[in-house]
């Protein structure tokens, strides 16, 4: 019984991590879009900071998934630089 609960906990943690990665990818796409569509210098600075912050979170989550040997779907992999 304990083994089943551990597996369930691990599966739940993996699902939550994948959901967090997907949300962060969406936030990153949104930040890029906002950056591409502003002309005001103050807003450009704002979105530069936002893109950088979300990129760092995204990288952290991808590394966490990698350490846990969780495969990342192609749709969530970062775009080539």
PDB file of N, CA and C in Angstrom:
ATOM      1  N   UNK A   1       0.818  -1.194   0.000  1.00  0.00           N
ATOM      2  CA  UNK A   1       0.000   0.000   0.000  1.00  0.00           C
ATOM      3  C   UNK A   1       0.866   1.264   0.000  1.00  0.00           C
ATOM      4  N   UNK A   2       1.927   1.263   0.766  1.00  0.00           N
ATOM      5  CA  UNK A   2       2.808   2.414   0.824  1.00  0.00           C
ATOM      6  C   UNK A   2       3.462   2.671  -0.537  1.00  0.00           C
ATOM      7  N   UNK A   3       3.863   1.611  -1.207  1.00  0.00           N
ATOM      8  CA  UNK A   3       4.493   1.735  -2.521  1.00  0.00           C
ATOM      9  C   UNK A   3       3.537   2.407  -3.516  1.00  0.00           C
ATOM     10  N   UNK A   4       2.274   2.040  -3.471  1.00  0.00           N
ATOM     11  CA  UNK A   4       1.288   2.631  -4.378  1.00  0.00           C
ATOM     12  C   UNK A   4       1.148   4.128  -4.103  1.00  0.00           C
ATOM     13  N   UNK A   5       1.114   4.521  -2.846  1.00  0.00           N
ATOM     14  CA  UNK A   5       1.001   5.935  -2.492  1.00  0.00           C
ATOM     15  C   UNK A   5       2.225   6.722  -2.955  1.00  0.00           C
ATOM     16  N   UNK A   6       3.401   6.124  -2.869  1.00  0.00           N
ATOM     17  CA  UNK A   6       4.612   6.803  -3.323  1.00  0.00           C
ATOM     18  C   UNK A   6       4.562   7.021  -4.828  1.00  0.00           C
ATOM     19  N   UNK A   7       4.154   6.021  -5.558  1.00  0.00           N
ATOM     20  CA  UNK A   7       4.047   6.155  -7.006  1.00  0.00           C
ATOM     21  C   UNK A   7       3.025   7.225  -7.357  1.00  0.00           C
ATOM     22  N   UNK A   8       1.908   7.222  -6.688  1.00  0.00           N
ATOM     23  CA  UNK A   8       0.870   8.215  -6.938  1.00  0.00           C
ATOM     24  C   UNK A   8       1.399   9.613  -6.640  1.00  0.00           C
ATOM     25  N   UNK A   9       2.141   9.755  -5.545  1.00  0.00           N
ATOM     26  CA  UNK A   9       2.716  11.051  -5.201  1.00  0.00           C
ATOM     27  C   UNK A   9       3.707  11.496  -6.276  1.00  0.00           C
ATOM     28  N   UNK A  10       4.568  10.585  -6.726  1.00  0.00           N
ATOM     29  CA  UNK A  10       5.543  10.916  -7.767  1.00  0.00           C
ATOM     30  C   UNK A  10       4.842  11.304  -9.068  1.00  0.00           C
ATOM     31  N   UNK A  11       3.825  10.546  -9.435  1.00  0.00           N
ATOM     32  CA  UNK A  11       3.077  10.861 -10.655  1.00  0.00           C
ATOM     33  C   UNK A  11       2.412  12.228 -10.548  1.00  0.00           C
ATOM     34  N   UNK A  12       1.845  12.514  -9.383  1.00  0.00           N
ATOM     35  CA  UNK A  12       1.199  13.809  -9.174  1.00  0.00           C
ATOM     36  C   UNK A  12       2.225  14.935  -9.278  1.00  0.00           C
ATOM     37  N   UNK A  13       3.394  14.725  -8.698  1.00  0.00           N
ATOM     38  CA  UNK A  13       4.453  15.731  -8.767  1.00  0.00           C
ATOM     39  C   UNK A  13       4.901  15.955 -10.205  1.00  0.00           C
ATOM     40  N   UNK A  14       5.000  14.887 -10.979  1.00  0.00           N
ATOM     41  CA  UNK A  14       5.390  15.009 -12.388  1.00  0.00           C
ATOM     42  C   UNK A  14       4.338  15.775 -13.180  1.00  0.00           C
ATOM     43  N   UNK A  15       3.080  15.457 -12.939  1.00  0.00           N
ATOM     44  CA  UNK A  15       1.989  16.148 -13.640  1.00  0.00           C
ATOM     45  C   UNK A  15       2.005  17.637 -13.287  1.00  0.00           C
ATOM     46  N   UNK A  16       2.191  17.943 -12.010  1.00  0.00           N
ATOM     47  CA  UNK A  16       2.225  19.346 -11.587  1.00  0.00           C
ATOM     48  C   UNK A  16       3.404  20.081 -12.212  1.00  0.00           C
ATOM     49  N   UNK A  17       4.553  19.416 -12.300  1.00  0.00           N
ATOM     50  CA  UNK A  17       5.719  20.032 -12.927  1.00  0.00           C
ATOM     51  C   UNK A  17       5.454  20.298 -14.402  1.00  0.00           C
ATOM     52  N   UNK A  18       4.866  19.333 -15.085  1.00  0.00           N
ATOM     53  CA  UNK A  18       4.561  19.506 -16.508  1.00  0.00           C
ATOM     54  C   UNK A  18       3.554  20.651 -16.712  1.00  0.00           C
ATOM     55  N   UNK A  19       2.581  20.760 -15.828  1.00  0.00           N
ATOM     56  CA  UNK A  19       1.608  21.850 -15.919  1.00  0.00           C
ATOM     57  C   UNK A  19       2.296  23.196 -15.685  1.00  0.00           C
ATOM     58  N   UNK A  20       3.214  23.224 -14.731  1.00  0.00           N
ATOM     59  CA  UNK A  20       3.948  24.452 -14.439  1.00  0.00           C
ATOM     60  C   UNK A  20       4.823  24.849 -15.628  1.00  0.00           C
ATOM     61  N   UNK A  21       5.447  23.875 -16.274  1.00  0.00           N
ATOM     62  CA  UNK A  21       6.257  24.149 -17.461  1.00  0.00           C
ATOM     63  C   UNK A  21       5.373  24.699 -18.577  1.00  0.00           C
ATOM     64  N   UNK A  22       4.207  24.099 -18.776  1.00  0.00           N
ATOM     65  CA  UNK A  22       3.293  24.556 -19.830  1.00  0.00           C
ATOM     66  C   UNK A  22       2.812  25.985 -19.557  1.00  0.00           C
ATOM     67  N   UNK A  23       2.471  26.284 -18.305  1.00  0.00           N
ATOM     68  CA  UNK A  23       2.034  27.646 -17.955  1.00  0.00           C
ATOM     69  C   UNK A  23       3.161  28.651 -18.164  1.00  0.00           C
ATOM     70  N   UNK A  24       4.366  28.258 -17.799  1.00  0.00           N
ATOM     71  CA  UNK A  24       5.503  29.156 -17.944  1.00  0.00           C
ATOM     72  C   UNK A  24       5.833  29.381 -19.411  1.00  0.00           C
ATOM     73  N   UNK A  25       5.709  28.333 -20.226  1.00  0.00           N
ATOM     74  CA  UNK A  25       5.920  28.470 -21.678  1.00  0.00           C
ATOM     75  C   UNK A  25       4.894  29.442 -22.262  1.00  0.00           C
ATOM     76  N   UNK A  26       3.669  29.341 -21.816  1.00  0.00           N
ATOM     77  CA  UNK A  26       2.614  30.252 -22.274  1.00  0.00           C
ATOM     78  C   UNK A  26       2.930  31.692 -21.847  1.00  0.00           C
ATOM     79  N   UNK A  27       3.387  31.869 -20.612  1.00  0.00           N
ATOM     80  CA  UNK A  27       3.755  33.195 -20.117  1.00  0.00           C
ATOM     81  C   UNK A  27       4.927  33.763 -20.906  1.00  0.00           C
ATOM     82  N   UNK A  28       5.869  32.898 -21.284  1.00  0.00           N
ATOM     83  CA  UNK A  28       7.018  33.337 -22.070  1.00  0.00           C
ATOM     84  C   UNK A  28       6.574  33.767 -23.473  1.00  0.00           C
ATOM     85  N   UNK A  29       5.713  32.976 -24.086  1.00  0.00           N
ATOM     86  CA  UNK A  29       5.185  33.343 -25.407  1.00  0.00           C
ATOM     87  C   UNK A  29       4.451  34.680 -25.343  1.00  0.00           C
ATOM     88  N   UNK A  30       3.688  34.880 -24.290  1.00  0.00           N
ATOM     89  CA  UNK A  30       2.933  36.122 -24.101  1.00  0.00           C
ATOM     90  C   UNK A  30       3.887  37.306 -23.907  1.00  0.00           C
ATOM     91  N   UNK A  31       4.925  37.109 -23.101  1.00  0.00           N
ATOM     92  CA  UNK A  31       5.894  38.181 -22.864  1.00  0.00           C
ATOM     93  C   UNK A  31       6.610  38.559 -24.160  1.00  0.00           C
ATOM     94  N   UNK A  32       6.994  37.553 -24.968  1.00  0.00           N
ATOM     95  CA  UNK A  32       7.615  37.833 -26.278  1.00  0.00           C
ATOM     96  C   UNK A  32       6.658  38.609 -27.174  1.00  0.00           C
ATOM     97  N   UNK A  33       5.402  38.198 -27.190  1.00  0.00           N
ATOM     98  CA  UNK A  33       4.409  38.873 -28.022  1.00  0.00           C
ATOM     99  C   UNK A  33       4.220  40.323 -27.584  1.00  0.00           C
ATOM    100  N   UNK A  34       4.117  40.526 -26.284  1.00  0.00           N
ATOM    101  CA  UNK A  34       3.970  41.892 -25.769  1.00  0.00           C
ATOM    102  C   UNK A  34       5.182  42.742 -26.139  1.00  0.00           C
ATOM    103  N   UNK A  35       6.373  42.175 -25.986  1.00  0.00           N
ATOM    104  CA  UNK A  35       7.592  42.901 -26.333  1.00  0.00           C
ATOM    105  C   UNK A  35       7.586  43.294 -27.815  1.00  0.00           C
ATOM    106  N   UNK A  36       7.157  42.375 -28.651  1.00  0.00           N
ATOM    107  CA  UNK A  36       7.145  42.635 -30.098  1.00  0.00           C
ATOM    108  C   UNK A  36       6.135  43.698 -30.512  1.00  0.00           C
ATOM    109  N   UNK A  37       5.172  43.972 -29.638  1.00  0.00           N
ATOM    110  CA  UNK A  37       4.072  44.862 -30.032  1.00  0.00           C
ATOM    111  C   UNK A  37       4.046  46.196 -29.300  1.00  0.00           C
ATOM    112  N   UNK A  38       5.113  46.555 -28.614  1.00  0.00           N
ATOM    113  CA  UNK A  38       5.129  47.851 -27.935  1.00  0.00           C
ATOM    114  C   UNK A  38       6.156  48.763 -28.583  1.00  0.00           C
ATOM    115  N   UNK A  39       5.909  50.063 -28.459  1.00  0.00           N
ATOM    116  CA  UNK A  39       6.844  51.044 -28.996  1.00  0.00           C
ATOM    117  C   UNK A  39       7.326  52.016 -27.921  1.00  0.00           C
ATOM    118  N   UNK A  40       6.603  52.121 -26.837  1.00  0.00           N
ATOM    119  CA  UNK A  40       6.998  53.024 -25.754  1.00  0.00           C
ATOM    120  C   UNK A  40       8.260  52.497 -25.073  1.00  0.00           C
ATOM    121  N   UNK A  41       9.292  53.333 -24.930  1.00  0.00           N
ATOM    122  CA  UNK A  41      10.548  52.873 -24.328  1.00  0.00           C
ATOM    123  C   UNK A  41      10.391  52.273 -22.928  1.00  0.00           C
ATOM    124  N   UNK A  42       9.504  52.847 -22.128  1.00  0.00           N
ATOM    125  CA  UNK A  42       9.296  52.297 -20.781  1.00  0.00           C
ATOM    126  C   UNK A  42       8.691  50.901 -20.841  1.00  0.00           C
ATOM    127  N   UNK A  43       7.752  50.689 -21.756  1.00  0.00           N
ATOM    128  CA  UNK A  43       7.148  49.370 -21.899  1.00  0.00           C
ATOM    129  C   UNK A  43       8.132  48.365 -22.490  1.00  0.00           C
ATOM    130  N   UNK A  44       8.985  48.835 -23.379  1.00  0.00           N
ATOM    131  CA  UNK A  44      10.021  47.948 -23.928  1.00  0.00           C
ATOM    132  C   UNK A  44      10.905  47.451 -22.795  1.00  0.00           C
ATOM    133  N   UNK A  45      11.342  48.355 -21.930  1.00  0.00           N
ATOM    134  CA  UNK A  45      12.149  47.954 -20.767  1.00  0.00           C
ATOM    135  C   UNK A  45      11.394  46.976 -19.883  1.00  0.00           C
ATOM    136  N   UNK A  46      10.116  47.254 -19.654  1.00  0.00           N
ATOM    137  CA  UNK A  46       9.281  46.384 -18.815  1.00  0.00           C
ATOM    138  C   UNK A  46       9.248  44.968 -19.376  1.00  0.00           C
ATOM    139  N   UNK A  47       9.028  44.848 -20.668  1.00  0.00           N
ATOM    140  CA  UNK A  47       8.926  43.514 -21.260  1.00  0.00           C
ATOM    141  C   UNK A  47      10.273  42.812 -21.392  1.00  0.00           C
ATOM    142  N   UNK A  48      11.345  43.589 -21.496  1.00  0.00           N
ATOM    143  CA  UNK A  48      12.670  42.966 -21.458  1.00  0.00           C
ATOM    144  C   UNK A  48      12.871  42.283 -20.109  1.00  0.00           C
ATOM    145  N   UNK A  49      12.533  42.983 -19.036  1.00  0.00           N
ATOM    146  CA  UNK A  49      12.663  42.394 -17.698  1.00  0.00           C
ATOM    147  C   UNK A  49      11.741  41.191 -17.533  1.00  0.00           C
ATOM    148  N   UNK A  50      10.515  41.319 -18.053  1.00  0.00           N
ATOM    149  CA  UNK A  50       9.566  40.211 -17.937  1.00  0.00           C
ATOM    150  C   UNK A  50      10.050  38.978 -18.703  1.00  0.00           C
ATOM    151  N   UNK A  51      10.518  39.181 -19.928  1.00  0.00           N
ATOM    152  CA  UNK A  51      11.026  38.057 -20.719  1.00  0.00           C
ATOM    153  C   UNK A  51      12.193  37.390 -19.990  1.00  0.00           C
ATOM    154  N   UNK A  52      13.123  38.185 -19.482  1.00  0.00           N
ATOM    155  CA  UNK A  52      14.275  37.618 -18.780  1.00  0.00           C
ATOM    156  C   UNK A  52      13.855  36.829 -17.540  1.00  0.00           C
ATOM    157  N   UNK A  53      12.909  37.366 -16.777  1.00  0.00           N
ATOM    158  CA  UNK A  53      12.455  36.682 -15.566  1.00  0.00           C
ATOM    159  C   UNK A  53      11.764  35.358 -15.906  1.00  0.00           C
ATOM    160  N   UNK A  54      10.894  35.377 -16.887  1.00  0.00           N
ATOM    161  CA  UNK A  54      10.167  34.160 -17.250  1.00  0.00           C
ATOM    162  C   UNK A  54      11.121  33.138 -17.881  1.00  0.00           C
ATOM    163  N   UNK A  55      12.109  33.614 -18.649  1.00  0.00           N
ATOM    164  CA  UNK A  55      13.104  32.695 -19.219  1.00  0.00           C
ATOM    165  C   UNK A  55      13.862  31.961 -18.110  1.00  0.00           C
ATOM    166  N   UNK A  56      14.228  32.682 -17.059  1.00  0.00           N
ATOM    167  CA  UNK A  56      14.958  32.052 -15.950  1.00  0.00           C
ATOM    168  C   UNK A  56      14.096  31.004 -15.259  1.00  0.00           C
ATOM    169  N   UNK A  57      12.829  31.301 -15.048  1.00  0.00           N
ATOM    170  CA  UNK A  57      11.927  30.326 -14.426  1.00  0.00           C
ATOM    171  C   UNK A  57      11.761  29.104 -15.327  1.00  0.00           C
ATOM    172  N   UNK A  58      11.597  29.343 -16.615  1.00  0.00           N
ATOM    173  CA  UNK A  58      11.418  28.262 -17.589  1.00  0.00           C
ATOM    174  C   UNK A  58      12.648  27.351 -17.602  1.00  0.00           C
ATOM    175  N   UNK A  59      13.827  27.959 -17.620  1.00  0.00           N
ATOM    176  CA  UNK A  59      15.066  27.190 -17.603  1.00  0.00           C
ATOM    177  C   UNK A  59      15.164  26.357 -16.326  1.00  0.00           C
ATOM    178  N   UNK A  60      14.815  26.956 -15.191  1.00  0.00           N
ATOM    179  CA  UNK A  60      14.834  26.246 -13.926  1.00  0.00           C
ATOM    180  C   UNK A  60      13.916  25.024 -13.965  1.00  0.00           C
ATOM    181  N   UNK A  61      12.703  25.205 -14.469  1.00  0.00           N
ATOM    182  CA  UNK A  61      11.738  24.099 -14.525  1.00  0.00           C
ATOM    183  C   UNK A  61      12.194  22.996 -15.477  1.00  0.00           C
ATOM    184  N   UNK A  62      12.757  23.378 -16.623  1.00  0.00           N
ATOM    185  CA  UNK A  62      13.252  22.371 -17.573  1.00  0.00           C
ATOM    186  C   UNK A  62      14.411  21.581 -16.970  1.00  0.00           C
ATOM    187  N   UNK A  63      15.295  22.264 -16.257  1.00  0.00           N
ATOM    188  CA  UNK A  63      16.411  21.563 -15.605  1.00  0.00           C
ATOM    189  C   UNK A  63      15.907  20.628 -14.511  1.00  0.00           C
ATOM    190  N   UNK A  64      14.889  21.071 -13.787  1.00  0.00           N
ATOM    191  CA  UNK A  64      14.294  20.230 -12.746  1.00  0.00           C
ATOM    192  C   UNK A  64      13.705  18.967 -13.370  1.00  0.00           C
ATOM    193  N   UNK A  65      13.000  19.117 -14.468  1.00  0.00           N
ATOM    194  CA  UNK A  65      12.426  17.959 -15.159  1.00  0.00           C
ATOM    195  C   UNK A  65      13.529  17.041 -15.663  1.00  0.00           C
ATOM    196  N   UNK A  66      14.590  17.630 -16.172  1.00  0.00           N
ATOM    197  CA  UNK A  66      15.712  16.835 -16.670  1.00  0.00           C
ATOM    198  C   UNK A  66      16.353  16.022 -15.545  1.00  0.00           C
ATOM    199  N   UNK A  67      16.534  16.643 -14.384  1.00  0.00           N
ATOM    200  CA  UNK A  67      17.115  15.936 -13.232  1.00  0.00           C
ATOM    201  C   UNK A  67      16.239  14.768 -12.791  1.00  0.00           C
ATOM    202  N   UNK A  68      14.928  14.901 -12.990  1.00  0.00           N
ATOM    203  CA  UNK A  68      13.991  13.853 -12.588  1.00  0.00           C
ATOM    204  C   UNK A  68      13.716  12.881 -13.740  1.00  0.00           C
ATOM    205  N   UNK A  69      14.450  13.019 -14.830  1.00  0.00           N
ATOM    206  CA  UNK A  69      14.288  12.165 -16.006  1.00  0.00           C
ATOM    207  C   UNK A  69      12.869  12.181 -16.566  1.00  0.00           C
ATOM    208  N   UNK A  70      12.266  13.351 -16.561  1.00  0.00           N
ATOM    209  CA  UNK A  70      10.927  13.520 -17.112  1.00  0.00           C
ATOM    210  C   UNK A  70      11.082  14.020 -18.546  1.00  0.00           C
ATOM    211  N   UNK A  71      10.580  13.268 -19.518  1.00  0.00           N
ATOM    212  CA  UNK A  71      10.700  13.730 -20.908  1.00  0.00           C
ATOM    213  C   UNK A  71       9.826  14.959 -21.148  1.00  0.00           C
ATOM    214  N   UNK A  72      10.372  15.905 -21.888  1.00  0.00           N
ATOM    215  CA  UNK A  72       9.653  17.135 -22.194  1.00  0.00           C
ATOM    216  C   UNK A  72       9.115  17.037 -23.619  1.00  0.00           C
ATOM    217  N   UNK A  73       7.799  17.211 -23.808  1.00  0.00           N
ATOM    218  CA  UNK A  73       7.236  17.168 -25.162  1.00  0.00           C
ATOM    219  C   UNK A  73       7.852  18.244 -26.048  1.00  0.00           C
ATOM    220  N   UNK A  74       7.926  17.981 -27.322  1.00  0.00           N
ATOM    221  CA  UNK A  74       8.525  18.914 -28.281  1.00  0.00           C
ATOM    222  C   UNK A  74       7.860  20.280 -28.189  1.00  0.00           C
ATOM    223  N   UNK A  75       6.566  20.317 -27.951  1.00  0.00           N
ATOM    224  CA  UNK A  75       5.845  21.589 -27.902  1.00  0.00           C
ATOM    225  C   UNK A  75       6.278  22.452 -26.726  1.00  0.00           C
ATOM    226  N   UNK A  76       6.900  21.859 -25.708  1.00  0.00           N
ATOM    227  CA  UNK A  76       7.342  22.625 -24.546  1.00  0.00           C
ATOM    228  C   UNK A  76       8.840  22.903 -24.545  1.00  0.00           C
ATOM    229  N   UNK A  77       9.562  22.318 -25.512  1.00  0.00           N
ATOM    230  CA  UNK A  77      10.987  22.581 -25.588  1.00  0.00           C
ATOM    231  C   UNK A  77      11.216  24.028 -26.011  1.00  0.00           C
ATOM    232  N   UNK A  78      12.284  24.624 -25.489  1.00  0.00           N
ATOM    233  CA  UNK A  78      12.556  26.021 -25.854  1.00  0.00           C
ATOM    234  C   UNK A  78      12.854  26.150 -27.341  1.00  0.00           C
ATOM    235  N   UNK A  79      12.515  27.314 -27.862  1.00  0.00           N
ATOM    236  CA  UNK A  79      12.789  27.587 -29.273  1.00  0.00           C
ATOM    237  C   UNK A  79      14.290  27.754 -29.457  1.00  0.00           C
ATOM    238  N   UNK A  80      14.839  27.315 -30.591  1.00  0.00           N
ATOM    239  CA  UNK A  80      16.261  27.505 -30.837  1.00  0.00           C
ATOM    240  C   UNK A  80      16.622  28.978 -30.888  1.00  0.00           C
ATOM    241  N   UNK A  81      17.750  29.313 -30.328  1.00  0.00           N
ATOM    242  CA  UNK A  81      18.185  30.725 -30.303  1.00  0.00           C
ATOM    243  C   UNK A  81      18.887  31.094 -31.585  1.00  0.00           C
TER     244      UNK A  81
END
